[in-house]
Amino acid sequence: IRSELKDLLRELEEESREAGRSAAEPKDPGYRGQGPDDGADS
């Protein structure tokens, strides 16, 4: 039981670490997600 709890705690720590890393990355405000093939504006 102790080993299973340690594995579960390790997985939770890794998931929380990945979630914090993805939340800390900055986003481009001018980026609209349009590709070169899009022929129309907003």
PDB file of all heavy atoms in Angstrom:
ATOM      1  N   ILE A   1       0.839  -1.208   0.000  1.00  0.00           N
ATOM      2  CA  ILE A   1       0.000   0.000   0.000  1.00  0.00           C
ATOM      3  C   ILE A   1       0.871   1.254   0.000  1.00  0.00           C
ATOM      4  O   ILE A   1       0.571   2.248  -0.676  1.00  0.00           O
ATOM      5  CB  ILE A   1      -0.929  -0.021   1.221  1.00  0.00           C
ATOM      6  CG1 ILE A   1      -1.907  -1.193   1.108  1.00  0.00           C
ATOM      7  CG2 ILE A   1      -1.681   1.291   1.348  1.00  0.00           C
ATOM      8  CD1 ILE A   1      -2.793  -1.361   2.315  1.00  0.00           C
ATOM      9  N   ARG A   2       1.960   1.233   0.730  1.00  0.00           N
ATOM     10  CA  ARG A   2       2.848   2.395   0.768  1.00  0.00           C
ATOM     11  C   ARG A   2       3.453   2.666  -0.602  1.00  0.00           C
ATOM     12  O   ARG A   2       3.530   3.823  -1.050  1.00  0.00           O
ATOM     13  CB  ARG A   2       3.948   2.150   1.796  1.00  0.00           C
ATOM     14  CG  ARG A   2       4.898   3.328   1.985  1.00  0.00           C
ATOM     15  CD  ARG A   2       5.939   2.982   3.036  1.00  0.00           C
ATOM     16  NE  ARG A   2       5.300   2.729   4.331  1.00  0.00           N
ATOM     17  CZ  ARG A   2       5.954   2.284   5.395  1.00  0.00           C
ATOM     18  NH1 ARG A   2       7.269   2.029   5.302  1.00  0.00           N
ATOM     19  NH2 ARG A   2       5.329   2.101   6.539  1.00  0.00           N
ATOM     20  N   SER A   3       3.880   1.613  -1.309  1.00  0.00           N
ATOM     21  CA  SER A   3       4.455   1.805  -2.638  1.00  0.00           C
ATOM     22  C   SER A   3       3.413   2.323  -3.625  1.00  0.00           C
ATOM     23  O   SER A   3       3.707   3.201  -4.453  1.00  0.00           O
ATOM     24  CB  SER A   3       5.054   0.485  -3.135  1.00  0.00           C
ATOM     25  OG  SER A   3       4.042  -0.508  -3.248  1.00  0.00           O
ATOM     26  N   GLU A   4       2.166   1.815  -3.518  1.00  0.00           N
ATOM     27  CA  GLU A   4       1.121   2.293  -4.412  1.00  0.00           C
ATOM     28  C   GLU A   4       0.810   3.762  -4.142  1.00  0.00           C
ATOM     29  O   GLU A   4       0.597   4.560  -5.072  1.00  0.00           O
ATOM     30  CB  GLU A   4      -0.136   1.441  -4.232  1.00  0.00           C
ATOM     31  CG  GLU A   4       0.005   0.013  -4.733  1.00  0.00           C
ATOM     32  CD  GLU A   4       0.186  -0.033  -6.230  1.00  0.00           C
ATOM     33  OE1 GLU A   4      -0.407   0.829  -6.936  1.00  0.00           O
ATOM     34  OE2 GLU A   4       0.910  -0.918  -6.723  1.00  0.00           O
ATOM     35  N   LEU A   5       0.761   4.139  -2.881  1.00  0.00           N
ATOM     36  CA  LEU A   5       0.516   5.542  -2.558  1.00  0.00           C
ATOM     37  C   LEU A   5       1.646   6.445  -3.043  1.00  0.00           C
ATOM     38  O   LEU A   5       1.410   7.576  -3.515  1.00  0.00           O
ATOM     39  CB  LEU A   5       0.325   5.699  -1.050  1.00  0.00           C
ATOM     40  CG  LEU A   5      -0.961   5.096  -0.468  1.00  0.00           C
ATOM     41  CD1 LEU A   5      -0.971   5.237   1.049  1.00  0.00           C
ATOM     42  CD2 LEU A   5      -2.181   5.767  -1.074  1.00  0.00           C
ATOM     43  N   LYS A   6       2.878   5.985  -2.947  1.00  0.00           N
ATOM     44  CA  LYS A   6       4.004   6.774  -3.445  1.00  0.00           C
ATOM     45  C   LYS A   6       3.906   6.954  -4.958  1.00  0.00           C
ATOM     46  O   LYS A   6       4.139   8.063  -5.478  1.00  0.00           O
ATOM     47  CB  LYS A   6       5.310   6.091  -3.080  1.00  0.00           C
ATOM     48  CG  LYS A   6       5.677   6.204  -1.601  1.00  0.00           C
ATOM     49  CD  LYS A   6       7.018   5.552  -1.316  1.00  0.00           C
ATOM     50  CE  LYS A   6       7.402   5.704   0.143  1.00  0.00           C
ATOM     51  NZ  LYS A   6       8.705   5.058   0.440  1.00  0.00           N
ATOM     52  N   ASP A   7       3.564   5.892  -5.682  1.00  0.00           N
ATOM     53  CA  ASP A   7       3.407   6.011  -7.132  1.00  0.00           C
ATOM     54  C   ASP A   7       2.286   6.977  -7.485  1.00  0.00           C
ATOM     55  O   ASP A   7       2.422   7.802  -8.408  1.00  0.00           O
ATOM     56  CB  ASP A   7       3.138   4.628  -7.738  1.00  0.00           C
ATOM     57  CG  ASP A   7       4.320   3.691  -7.572  1.00  0.00           C
ATOM     58  OD1 ASP A   7       5.454   4.199  -7.362  1.00  0.00           O
ATOM     59  OD2 ASP A   7       4.122   2.461  -7.647  1.00  0.00           O
ATOM     60  N   LEU A   8       1.163   6.885  -6.785  1.00  0.00           N
ATOM     61  CA  LEU A   8       0.054   7.789  -7.054  1.00  0.00           C
ATOM     62  C   LEU A   8       0.433   9.240  -6.751  1.00  0.00           C
ATOM     63  O   LEU A   8       0.096  10.161  -7.520  1.00  0.00           O
ATOM     64  CB  LEU A   8      -1.166   7.363  -6.231  1.00  0.00           C
ATOM     65  CG  LEU A   8      -2.437   8.177  -6.428  1.00  0.00           C
ATOM     66  CD1 LEU A   8      -2.898   8.109  -7.878  1.00  0.00           C
ATOM     67  CD2 LEU A   8      -3.537   7.669  -5.498  1.00  0.00           C
ATOM     68  N   LEU A   9       1.145   9.466  -5.664  1.00  0.00           N
ATOM     69  CA  LEU A   9       1.579  10.824  -5.329  1.00  0.00           C
ATOM     70  C   LEU A   9       2.567  11.354  -6.350  1.00  0.00           C
ATOM     71  O   LEU A   9       2.507  12.543  -6.732  1.00  0.00           O
ATOM     72  CB  LEU A   9       2.226  10.816  -3.936  1.00  0.00           C
ATOM     73  CG  LEU A   9       2.696  12.167  -3.394  1.00  0.00           C
ATOM     74  CD1 LEU A   9       1.534  13.142  -3.295  1.00  0.00           C
ATOM     75  CD2 LEU A   9       3.384  11.986  -2.058  1.00  0.00           C
ATOM     76  N   ARG A  10       3.426  10.519  -6.880  1.00  0.00           N
ATOM     77  CA  ARG A  10       4.376  10.937  -7.896  1.00  0.00           C
ATOM     78  C   ARG A  10       3.642  11.328  -9.180  1.00  0.00           C
ATOM     79  O   ARG A  10       3.969  12.327  -9.834  1.00  0.00           O
ATOM     80  CB  ARG A  10       5.383   9.825  -8.150  1.00  0.00           C
ATOM     81  CG  ARG A  10       6.541  10.253  -9.027  1.00  0.00           C
ATOM     82  CD  ARG A  10       7.503   9.090  -9.264  1.00  0.00           C
ATOM     83  NE  ARG A  10       8.060   8.609  -8.001  1.00  0.00           N
ATOM     84  CZ  ARG A  10       7.741   7.453  -7.438  1.00  0.00           C
ATOM     85  NH1 ARG A  10       6.833   6.670  -8.028  1.00  0.00           N
ATOM     86  NH2 ARG A  10       8.299   7.090  -6.294  1.00  0.00           N
ATOM     87  N   GLU A  11       2.628  10.535  -9.557  1.00  0.00           N
ATOM     88  CA  GLU A  11       1.858  10.869 -10.756  1.00  0.00           C
ATOM     89  C   GLU A  11       1.111  12.196 -10.582  1.00  0.00           C
ATOM     90  O   GLU A  11       1.048  13.016 -11.521  1.00  0.00           O
ATOM     91  CB  GLU A  11       0.874   9.746 -11.062  1.00  0.00           C
ATOM     92  CG  GLU A  11       1.555   8.442 -11.496  1.00  0.00           C
ATOM     93  CD  GLU A  11       0.537   7.349 -11.742  1.00  0.00           C
ATOM     94  OE1 GLU A  11      -0.678   7.615 -11.544  1.00  0.00           O
ATOM     95  OE2 GLU A  11       0.949   6.238 -12.137  1.00  0.00           O
ATOM     96  N   LEU A  12       0.537  12.414  -9.403  1.00  0.00           N
ATOM     97  CA  LEU A  12      -0.161  13.680  -9.175  1.00  0.00           C
ATOM     98  C   LEU A  12       0.794  14.864  -9.223  1.00  0.00           C
ATOM     99  O   LEU A  12       0.458  15.937  -9.765  1.00  0.00           O
ATOM    100  CB  LEU A  12      -0.864  13.632  -7.814  1.00  0.00           C
ATOM    101  CG  LEU A  12      -2.049  12.667  -7.706  1.00  0.00           C
ATOM    102  CD1 LEU A  12      -2.591  12.651  -6.284  1.00  0.00           C
ATOM    103  CD2 LEU A  12      -3.152  13.058  -8.683  1.00  0.00           C
ATOM    104  N   GLU A  13       1.993  14.692  -8.686  1.00  0.00           N
ATOM    105  CA  GLU A  13       2.968  15.780  -8.735  1.00  0.00           C
ATOM    106  C   GLU A  13       3.385  16.082 -10.175  1.00  0.00           C
ATOM    107  O   GLU A  13       3.520  17.246 -10.573  1.00  0.00           O
ATOM    108  CB  GLU A  13       4.185  15.416  -7.906  1.00  0.00           C
ATOM    109  CG  GLU A  13       3.923  15.407  -6.403  1.00  0.00           C
ATOM    110  CD  GLU A  13       5.140  14.980  -5.613  1.00  0.00           C
ATOM    111  OE1 GLU A  13       6.127  14.580  -6.262  1.00  0.00           O
ATOM    112  OE2 GLU A  13       5.101  15.044  -4.371  1.00  0.00           O
ATOM    113  N   GLU A  14       3.577  15.048 -10.972  1.00  0.00           N
ATOM    114  CA  GLU A  14       3.942  15.271 -12.376  1.00  0.00           C
ATOM    115  C   GLU A  14       2.822  15.973 -13.131  1.00  0.00           C
ATOM    116  O   GLU A  14       3.071  16.891 -13.927  1.00  0.00           O
ATOM    117  CB  GLU A  14       4.279  13.933 -13.026  1.00  0.00           C
ATOM    118  CG  GLU A  14       5.568  13.295 -12.496  1.00  0.00           C
ATOM    119  CD  GLU A  14       5.837  11.957 -13.155  1.00  0.00           C
ATOM    120  OE1 GLU A  14       4.969  11.534 -13.957  1.00  0.00           O
ATOM    121  OE2 GLU A  14       6.882  11.352 -12.882  1.00  0.00           O
ATOM    122  N   GLU A  15       1.562  15.565 -12.876  1.00  0.00           N
ATOM    123  CA  GLU A  15       0.442  16.216 -13.568  1.00  0.00           C
ATOM    124  C   GLU A  15       0.316  17.685 -13.144  1.00  0.00           C
ATOM    125  O   GLU A  15       0.066  18.560 -13.980  1.00  0.00           O
ATOM    126  CB  GLU A  15      -0.850  15.464 -13.258  1.00  0.00           C
ATOM    127  CG  GLU A  15      -0.909  14.080 -13.902  1.00  0.00           C
ATOM    128  CD  GLU A  15      -2.212  13.369 -13.563  1.00  0.00           C
ATOM    129  OE1 GLU A  15      -3.014  13.971 -12.812  1.00  0.00           O
ATOM    130  OE2 GLU A  15      -2.422  12.254 -14.052  1.00  0.00           O
ATOM    131  N   SER A  16       0.485  17.948 -11.851  1.00  0.00           N
ATOM    132  CA  SER A  16       0.392  19.346 -11.416  1.00  0.00           C
ATOM    133  C   SER A  16       1.552  20.173 -11.967  1.00  0.00           C
ATOM    134  O   SER A  16       1.378  21.349 -12.320  1.00  0.00           O
ATOM    135  CB  SER A  16       0.395  19.398  -9.884  1.00  0.00           C
ATOM    136  OG  SER A  16       1.604  18.852  -9.366  1.00  0.00           O
ATOM    137  N   ARG A  17       2.736  19.565 -12.087  1.00  0.00           N
ATOM    138  CA  ARG A  17       3.869  20.284 -12.645  1.00  0.00           C
ATOM    139  C   ARG A  17       3.636  20.606 -14.123  1.00  0.00           C
ATOM    140  O   ARG A  17       3.933  21.701 -14.599  1.00  0.00           O
ATOM    141  CB  ARG A  17       5.138  19.463 -12.455  1.00  0.00           C
ATOM    142  CG  ARG A  17       6.417  20.241 -12.716  1.00  0.00           C
ATOM    143  CD  ARG A  17       7.649  19.383 -12.466  1.00  0.00           C
ATOM    144  NE  ARG A  17       7.722  18.946 -11.084  1.00  0.00           N
ATOM    145  CZ  ARG A  17       7.550  17.692 -10.687  1.00  0.00           C
ATOM    146  NH1 ARG A  17       7.268  16.751 -11.590  1.00  0.00           N
ATOM    147  NH2 ARG A  17       7.644  17.376  -9.405  1.00  0.00           N
ATOM    148  N   GLU A  18       3.099  19.668 -14.900  1.00  0.00           N
ATOM    149  CA  GLU A  18       2.809  19.920 -16.321  1.00  0.00           C
ATOM    150  C   GLU A  18       1.719  20.980 -16.465  1.00  0.00           C
ATOM    151  O   GLU A  18       1.784  21.828 -17.365  1.00  0.00           O
ATOM    152  CB  GLU A  18       2.379  18.622 -16.991  1.00  0.00           C
ATOM    153  CG  GLU A  18       3.517  17.598 -17.110  1.00  0.00           C
ATOM    154  CD  GLU A  18       3.028  16.314 -17.743  1.00  0.00           C
ATOM    155  OE1 GLU A  18       1.806  16.242 -18.040  1.00  0.00           O
ATOM    156  OE2 GLU A  18       3.859  15.415 -17.959  1.00  0.00           O
ATOM    157  N   ALA A  19       0.706  20.930 -15.588  1.00  0.00           N
ATOM    158  CA  ALA A  19      -0.353  21.932 -15.672  1.00  0.00           C
ATOM    159  C   ALA A  19       0.187  23.330 -15.362  1.00  0.00           C
ATOM    160  O   ALA A  19      -0.168  24.317 -16.020  1.00  0.00           O
ATOM    161  CB  ALA A  19      -1.490  21.579 -14.717  1.00  0.00           C
ATOM    162  N   GLY A  20       1.082  23.463 -14.425  1.00  0.00           N
ATOM    163  CA  GLY A  20       1.668  24.763 -14.116  1.00  0.00           C
ATOM    164  C   GLY A  20       2.569  25.264 -15.224  1.00  0.00           C
ATOM    165  O   GLY A  20       2.618  26.464 -15.518  1.00  0.00           O
ATOM    166  N   ARG A  21       3.291  24.342 -15.881  1.00  0.00           N
ATOM    167  CA  ARG A  21       4.165  24.757 -16.985  1.00  0.00           C
ATOM    168  C   ARG A  21       3.338  25.242 -18.168  1.00  0.00           C
ATOM    169  O   ARG A  21       3.680  26.215 -18.833  1.00  0.00           O
ATOM    170  CB  ARG A  21       5.056  23.592 -17.396  1.00  0.00           C
ATOM    171  CG  ARG A  21       6.128  23.984 -18.404  1.00  0.00           C
ATOM    172  CD  ARG A  21       6.967  22.785 -18.826  1.00  0.00           C
ATOM    173  NE  ARG A  21       7.592  22.145 -17.696  1.00  0.00           N
ATOM    174  CZ  ARG A  21       7.267  20.954 -17.239  1.00  0.00           C
ATOM    175  NH1 ARG A  21       6.244  20.291 -17.816  1.00  0.00           N
ATOM    176  NH2 ARG A  21       7.900  20.424 -16.212  1.00  0.00           N
ATOM    177  N   SER A  22       2.243  24.553 -18.481  1.00  0.00           N
ATOM    178  CA  SER A  22       1.407  24.991 -19.610  1.00  0.00           C
ATOM    179  C   SER A  22       0.698  26.302 -19.311  1.00  0.00           C
ATOM    180  O   SER A  22       0.469  27.120 -20.189  1.00  0.00           O
ATOM    181  CB  SER A  22       0.370  23.908 -19.924  1.00  0.00           C
ATOM    182  OG  SER A  22      -0.469  23.699 -18.792  1.00  0.00           O
ATOM    183  N   ALA A  23       0.369  26.574 -18.051  1.00  0.00           N
ATOM    184  CA  ALA A  23      -0.274  27.848 -17.699  1.00  0.00           C
ATOM    185  C   ALA A  23       0.713  29.006 -17.706  1.00  0.00           C
ATOM    186  O   ALA A  23       0.340  30.162 -17.928  1.00  0.00           O
ATOM    187  CB  ALA A  23      -0.925  27.730 -16.318  1.00  0.00           C
ATOM    188  N   ALA A  24       1.998  28.766 -17.535  1.00  0.00           N
ATOM    189  CA  ALA A  24       2.998  29.835 -17.501  1.00  0.00           C
ATOM    190  C   ALA A  24       3.470  30.244 -18.880  1.00  0.00           C
ATOM    191  O   ALA A  24       4.121  31.279 -19.023  1.00  0.00           O
ATOM    192  CB  ALA A  24       4.202  29.399 -16.658  1.00  0.00           C
ATOM    193  N   GLU A  25       3.200  29.528 -19.980  1.00  0.00           N
ATOM    194  CA  GLU A  25       3.643  29.883 -21.327  1.00  0.00           C
ATOM    195  C   GLU A  25       2.829  31.081 -21.835  1.00  0.00           C
ATOM    196  O   GLU A  25       1.601  31.064 -21.771  1.00  0.00           O
ATOM    197  CB  GLU A  25       3.467  28.691 -22.264  1.00  0.00           C
ATOM    198  CG  GLU A  25       4.434  27.551 -21.943  1.00  0.00           C
ATOM    199  CD  GLU A  25       4.217  26.393 -22.900  1.00  0.00           C
ATOM    200  OE1 GLU A  25       3.276  26.486 -23.716  1.00  0.00           O
ATOM    201  OE2 GLU A  25       4.990  25.402 -22.839  1.00  0.00           O
ATOM    202  N   PRO A  26       3.468  32.228 -22.435  1.00  0.00           N
ATOM    203  CA  PRO A  26       2.721  33.406 -22.945  1.00  0.00           C
ATOM    204  C   PRO A  26       2.066  33.118 -24.288  1.00  0.00           C
ATOM    205  O   PRO A  26       2.561  32.327 -25.074  1.00  0.00           O
ATOM    206  CB  PRO A  26       3.822  34.476 -23.086  1.00  0.00           C
ATOM    207  CG  PRO A  26       5.080  33.689 -23.274  1.00  0.00           C
ATOM    208  CD  PRO A  26       4.926  32.404 -22.488  1.00  0.00           C
ATOM    209  N   LYS A  27       0.923  33.871 -24.588  1.00  0.00           N
ATOM    210  CA  LYS A  27       0.198  33.710 -25.845  1.00  0.00           C
ATOM    211  C   LYS A  27       0.275  35.012 -26.658  1.00  0.00           C
ATOM    212  O   LYS A  27       0.228  36.091 -26.092  1.00  0.00           O
ATOM    213  CB  LYS A  27      -1.269  33.371 -25.569  1.00  0.00           C
ATOM    214  CG  LYS A  27      -1.427  32.011 -24.903  1.00  0.00           C
ATOM    215  CD  LYS A  27      -2.885  31.700 -24.712  1.00  0.00           C
ATOM    216  CE  LYS A  27      -3.074  30.347 -24.056  1.00  0.00           C
ATOM    217  NZ  LYS A  27      -4.505  30.035 -23.880  1.00  0.00           N
ATOM    218  N   ASP A  28       0.355  34.940 -28.075  1.00  0.00           N
ATOM    219  CA  ASP A  28       0.437  36.097 -28.983  1.00  0.00           C
ATOM    220  C   ASP A  28      -0.959  36.682 -29.154  1.00  0.00           C
ATOM    221  O   ASP A  28      -1.857  35.998 -29.633  1.00  0.00           O
ATOM    222  CB  ASP A  28       1.005  35.661 -30.331  1.00  0.00           C
ATOM    223  CG  ASP A  28       1.278  36.860 -31.225  1.00  0.00           C
ATOM    224  OD1 ASP A  28       1.091  37.998 -30.747  1.00  0.00           O
ATOM    225  OD2 ASP A  28       1.661  36.619 -32.380  1.00  0.00           O
ATOM    226  N   PRO A  29      -1.167  37.984 -28.778  1.00  0.00           N
ATOM    227  CA  PRO A  29      -2.530  38.546 -28.914  1.00  0.00           C
ATOM    228  C   PRO A  29      -2.937  38.796 -30.352  1.00  0.00           C
ATOM    229  O   PRO A  29      -4.112  38.832 -30.650  1.00  0.00           O
ATOM    230  CB  PRO A  29      -2.454  39.868 -28.143  1.00  0.00           C
ATOM    231  CG  PRO A  29      -0.998  40.217 -28.137  1.00  0.00           C
ATOM    232  CD  PRO A  29      -0.246  38.937 -28.120  1.00  0.00           C
ATOM    233  N   GLY A  30      -1.976  39.016 -31.305  1.00  0.00           N
ATOM    234  CA  GLY A  30      -2.332  39.272 -32.704  1.00  0.00           C
ATOM    235  C   GLY A  30      -2.557  38.013 -33.502  1.00  0.00           C
ATOM    236  O   GLY A  30      -2.897  38.076 -34.678  1.00  0.00           O
ATOM    237  N   TYR A  31      -2.309  36.929 -32.900  1.00  0.00           N
ATOM    238  CA  TYR A  31      -2.468  35.657 -33.587  1.00  0.00           C
ATOM    239  C   TYR A  31      -3.926  35.288 -33.613  1.00  0.00           C
ATOM    240  O   TYR A  31      -4.568  35.227 -32.560  1.00  0.00           O
ATOM    241  CB  TYR A  31      -1.628  34.601 -32.888  1.00  0.00           C
ATOM    242  CG  TYR A  31      -1.769  33.221 -33.517  1.00  0.00           C
ATOM    243  CD1 TYR A  31      -1.176  32.948 -34.736  1.00  0.00           C
ATOM    244  CD2 TYR A  31      -2.496  32.239 -32.864  1.00  0.00           C
ATOM    245  CE1 TYR A  31      -1.304  31.702 -35.281  1.00  0.00           C
ATOM    246  CE2 TYR A  31      -2.626  30.999 -33.417  1.00  0.00           C
ATOM    247  CZ  TYR A  31      -2.021  30.726 -34.631  1.00  0.00           C
ATOM    248  OH  TYR A  31      -2.151  29.491 -35.185  1.00  0.00           O
ATOM    249  N   ARG A  32      -4.441  35.090 -34.829  1.00  0.00           N
ATOM    250  CA  ARG A  32      -5.856  34.774 -34.984  1.00  0.00           C
ATOM    251  C   ARG A  32      -6.082  33.337 -35.446  1.00  0.00           C
ATOM    252  O   ARG A  32      -7.214  32.940 -35.667  1.00  0.00           O
ATOM    253  CB  ARG A  32      -6.518  35.721 -35.993  1.00  0.00           C
ATOM    254  CG  ARG A  32      -6.483  37.173 -35.539  1.00  0.00           C
ATOM    255  CD  ARG A  32      -7.170  38.036 -36.564  1.00  0.00           C
ATOM    256  NE  ARG A  32      -7.147  39.431 -36.136  1.00  0.00           N
ATOM    257  CZ  ARG A  32      -7.673  40.424 -36.865  1.00  0.00           C
ATOM    258  NH1 ARG A  32      -8.263  40.184 -38.030  1.00  0.00           N
ATOM    259  NH2 ARG A  32      -7.625  41.661 -36.413  1.00  0.00           N
ATOM    260  N   GLY A  33      -4.993  32.705 -35.689  1.00  0.00           N
ATOM    261  CA  GLY A  33      -5.164  31.328 -36.108  1.00  0.00           C
ATOM    262  C   GLY A  33      -5.502  31.164 -37.552  1.00  0.00           C
ATOM    263  O   GLY A  33      -6.100  30.191 -37.957  1.00  0.00           O
ATOM    264  N   GLN A  34      -5.175  32.213 -38.453  1.00  0.00           N
ATOM    265  CA  GLN A  34      -5.463  32.115 -39.872  1.00  0.00           C
ATOM    266  C   GLN A  34      -4.246  31.605 -40.616  1.00  0.00           C
ATOM    267  O   GLN A  34      -3.139  32.071 -40.397  1.00  0.00           O
ATOM    268  CB  GLN A  34      -5.844  33.503 -40.422  1.00  0.00           C
ATOM    269  CG  GLN A  34      -7.131  34.035 -39.822  1.00  0.00           C
ATOM    270  CD  GLN A  34      -7.446  35.415 -40.376  1.00  0.00           C
ATOM    271  OE1 GLN A  34      -6.660  35.977 -41.137  1.00  0.00           O
ATOM    272  NE2 GLN A  34      -8.606  35.944 -39.979  1.00  0.00           N
ATOM    273  N   GLY A  35      -4.500  30.707 -41.519  1.00  0.00           N
ATOM    274  CA  GLY A  35      -3.418  30.152 -42.319  1.00  0.00           C
ATOM    275  C   GLY A  35      -3.227  30.915 -43.594  1.00  0.00           C
ATOM    276  O   GLY A  35      -3.978  31.826 -43.922  1.00  0.00           O
ATOM    277  N   PRO A  36      -2.208  30.585 -44.356  1.00  0.00           N
ATOM    278  CA  PRO A  36      -1.966  31.294 -45.626  1.00  0.00           C
ATOM    279  C   PRO A  36      -3.020  31.038 -46.652  1.00  0.00           C
ATOM    280  O   PRO A  36      -3.156  31.764 -47.612  1.00  0.00           O
ATOM    281  CB  PRO A  36      -0.589  30.761 -46.077  1.00  0.00           C
ATOM    282  CG  PRO A  36      -0.471  29.449 -45.394  1.00  0.00           C
ATOM    283  CD  PRO A  36      -1.181  29.575 -44.111  1.00  0.00           C
ATOM    284  N   ASP A  37      -3.782  29.941 -46.489  1.00  0.00           N
ATOM    285  CA  ASP A  37      -4.802  29.622 -47.489  1.00  0.00           C
ATOM    286  C   ASP A  37      -6.127  30.275 -47.187  1.00  0.00           C
ATOM    287  O   ASP A  37      -7.072  30.137 -47.961  1.00  0.00           O
ATOM    288  CB  ASP A  37      -5.010  28.103 -47.580  1.00  0.00           C
ATOM    289  CG  ASP A  37      -3.760  27.421 -48.096  1.00  0.00           C
ATOM    290  OD1 ASP A  37      -2.975  28.087 -48.812  1.00  0.00           O
ATOM    291  OD2 ASP A  37      -3.571  26.202 -47.777  1.00  0.00           O
ATOM    292  N   ASP A  38      -6.238  30.956 -45.988  1.00  0.00           N
ATOM    293  CA  ASP A  38      -7.510  31.594 -45.666  1.00  0.00           C
ATOM    294  C   ASP A  38      -7.636  32.869 -46.498  1.00  0.00           C
ATOM    295  O   ASP A  38      -6.799  33.768 -46.409  1.00  0.00           O
ATOM    296  CB  ASP A  38      -7.586  31.964 -44.175  1.00  0.00           C
ATOM    297  CG  ASP A  38      -7.600  30.694 -43.343  1.00  0.00           C
ATOM    298  OD1 ASP A  38      -7.993  29.641 -43.897  1.00  0.00           O
ATOM    299  OD2 ASP A  38      -7.216  30.750 -42.154  1.00  0.00           O
ATOM    300  N   GLY A  39      -8.702  33.009 -47.367  1.00  0.00           N
ATOM    301  CA  GLY A  39      -8.860  34.148 -48.285  1.00  0.00           C
ATOM    302  C   GLY A  39      -9.709  35.254 -47.755  1.00  0.00           C
ATOM    303  O   GLY A  39      -9.923  36.228 -48.449  1.00  0.00           O
ATOM    304  N   ALA A  40     -10.226  35.126 -46.520  1.00  0.00           N
ATOM    305  CA  ALA A  40     -11.120  36.153 -45.992  1.00  0.00           C
ATOM    306  C   ALA A  40     -10.599  36.667 -44.689  1.00  0.00           C
ATOM    307  O   ALA A  40      -9.991  35.933 -43.917  1.00  0.00           O
ATOM    308  CB  ALA A  40     -12.526  35.604 -45.839  1.00  0.00           C
ATOM    309  N   ASP A  41     -10.865  37.938 -44.396  1.00  0.00           N
ATOM    310  CA  ASP A  41     -10.475  38.538 -43.128  1.00  0.00           C
ATOM    311  C   ASP A  41     -11.617  38.381 -42.150  1.00  0.00           C
ATOM    312  O   ASP A  41     -12.558  37.626 -42.385  1.00  0.00           O
ATOM    313  CB  ASP A  41     -10.117  40.020 -43.329  1.00  0.00           C
ATOM    314  CG  ASP A  41     -11.249  40.783 -43.984  1.00  0.00           C
ATOM    315  OD1 ASP A  41     -12.290  40.120 -44.250  1.00  0.00           O
ATOM    316  OD2 ASP A  41     -11.107  41.987 -44.193  1.00  0.00           O
ATOM    317  N   SER A  42     -11.523  39.138 -41.057  1.00  0.00           N
ATOM    318  CA  SER A  42     -12.544  38.993 -40.017  1.00  0.00           C
ATOM    319  C   SER A  42     -13.891  39.516 -40.471  1.00  0.00           C
ATOM    320  O   SER A  42     -14.902  39.141 -39.941  1.00  0.00           O
ATOM    321  CB  SER A  42     -12.114  39.768 -38.757  1.00  0.00           C
ATOM    322  OG  SER A  42     -11.935  41.136 -39.088  1.00  0.00           O
TER     323      SER A  42
END
